[in-house]
Amino acid sequence: MKVKVEQFESGWQGLILGLTSKEIDELIAALKQLKIDRGHFHFRSDFEGFPSIGDIEFYWQSSDASSDLVLEASNVINPR
């Protein structure tokens, strides 16, 4: 997995994640388990080399909690 921090001129930041097919399968499995367990999981680095992203946590959030990100999957065909 590769991660890069993107710096926008506005001061906002973004994350760019590169995943292999195996990592995508593992992420899908972790997300499915998260939905069942309502717990959390992490992506973690080895904290080596140039400072970047050390940890990204995913956690279950109730549907009535406020959100500040949305999934924008323009290459995904939405089932009808």
Protein backbone atom coordinates (compact mmCIF):
# COMPACT_ATOMS: atom_id res chain seq x y z
CA MET A 1 0.00 0.00 0.00
CA LYS A 2 1.24 3.49 -0.78
CA VAL A 3 0.08 6.71 0.82
CA LYS A 4 0.70 10.31 -0.13
CA VAL A 5 -0.45 13.54 1.48
CA GLU A 6 -1.81 16.01 -1.05
CA GLN A 7 -1.53 19.71 -0.17
CA PHE A 8 -4.16 21.97 -1.73
CA GLU A 9 -3.53 25.69 -2.25
CA SER A 10 -6.49 26.39 0.03
CA GLY A 11 -4.65 24.81 2.97
CA TRP A 12 -6.80 21.67 2.95
CA GLN A 13 -5.13 18.28 2.68
CA GLY A 14 -6.02 15.05 0.96
CA LEU A 15 -4.82 11.47 1.16
CA ILE A 16 -3.95 9.42 -1.89
CA LEU A 17 -3.95 5.66 -1.24
CA GLY A 18 -2.64 3.06 -3.68
CA LEU A 19 -3.82 -0.50 -3.05
CA THR A 20 -2.96 -3.84 -4.64
CA SER A 21 -5.72 -6.29 -5.55
CA LYS A 22 -4.90 -8.33 -2.42
CA GLU A 23 -5.12 -5.21 -0.23
CA ILE A 24 -8.46 -4.29 -1.80
CA ASP A 25 -9.80 -7.74 -0.88
CA GLU A 26 -8.47 -7.32 2.68
CA LEU A 27 -10.04 -3.85 2.95
CA ILE A 28 -13.41 -5.16 1.72
CA ALA A 29 -13.25 -7.97 4.31
CA ALA A 30 -12.30 -5.50 7.07
CA LEU A 31 -15.16 -3.16 6.09
CA LYS A 32 -17.65 -6.03 6.10
CA GLN A 33 -16.45 -7.06 9.57
CA LEU A 34 -16.63 -3.43 10.73
CA LYS A 35 -20.28 -3.34 9.69
CA ILE A 36 -20.96 -6.46 11.79
CA ASP A 37 -18.80 -5.69 14.86
CA ARG A 38 -19.28 -1.92 14.89
CA GLY A 39 -15.70 -1.58 16.06
CA HIS A 40 -12.63 -0.16 14.32
CA PHE A 41 -9.47 -1.05 12.41
CA HIS A 42 -6.32 0.74 11.27
CA PHE A 43 -3.98 1.19 8.35
CA ARG A 44 -0.54 1.67 9.93
CA SER A 45 2.87 2.48 8.54
CA ASP A 46 6.22 1.32 9.87
CA PHE A 47 6.98 4.97 10.77
CA GLU A 48 10.21 4.76 8.73
CA GLY A 49 11.60 7.26 6.22
CA PHE A 50 10.21 10.69 5.47
CA PRO A 51 7.36 11.73 7.79
CA SER A 52 4.05 10.95 6.17
CA ILE A 53 0.95 9.16 7.42
CA GLY A 54 1.51 6.88 10.41
CA ASP A 55 -2.03 5.72 11.06
CA ILE A 56 -5.50 5.86 9.52
CA GLU A 57 -8.36 4.59 11.68
CA PHE A 58 -11.70 3.40 10.35
CA TYR A 59 -14.55 3.13 12.85
CA TRP A 60 -18.24 2.37 12.74
CA GLN A 61 -20.42 5.49 12.93
CA SER A 62 -24.17 5.53 13.43
CA SER A 63 -26.24 6.82 10.52
CA ASP A 64 -27.62 9.70 12.60
CA ALA A 65 -24.13 11.12 13.35
CA SER A 66 -23.02 14.13 11.32
CA SER A 67 -20.68 13.55 8.38
CA ASP A 68 -18.01 15.71 6.79
CA LEU A 69 -16.94 13.42 3.91
CA VAL A 70 -18.87 11.59 1.23
CA LEU A 71 -17.85 8.71 -1.02
CA GLU A 72 -17.29 10.00 -4.54
CA ALA A 73 -16.82 6.94 -6.71
CA SER A 74 -17.13 8.25 -10.25
CA ASN A 75 -15.76 5.05 -11.81
CA VAL A 76 -18.24 2.78 -10.04
CA ILE A 77 -21.46 1.84 -11.80
CA ASN A 78 -24.37 2.36 -9.40
CA PRO A 79 -26.87 -0.53 -9.42
CA ARG A 80 -30.45 0.49 -10.03
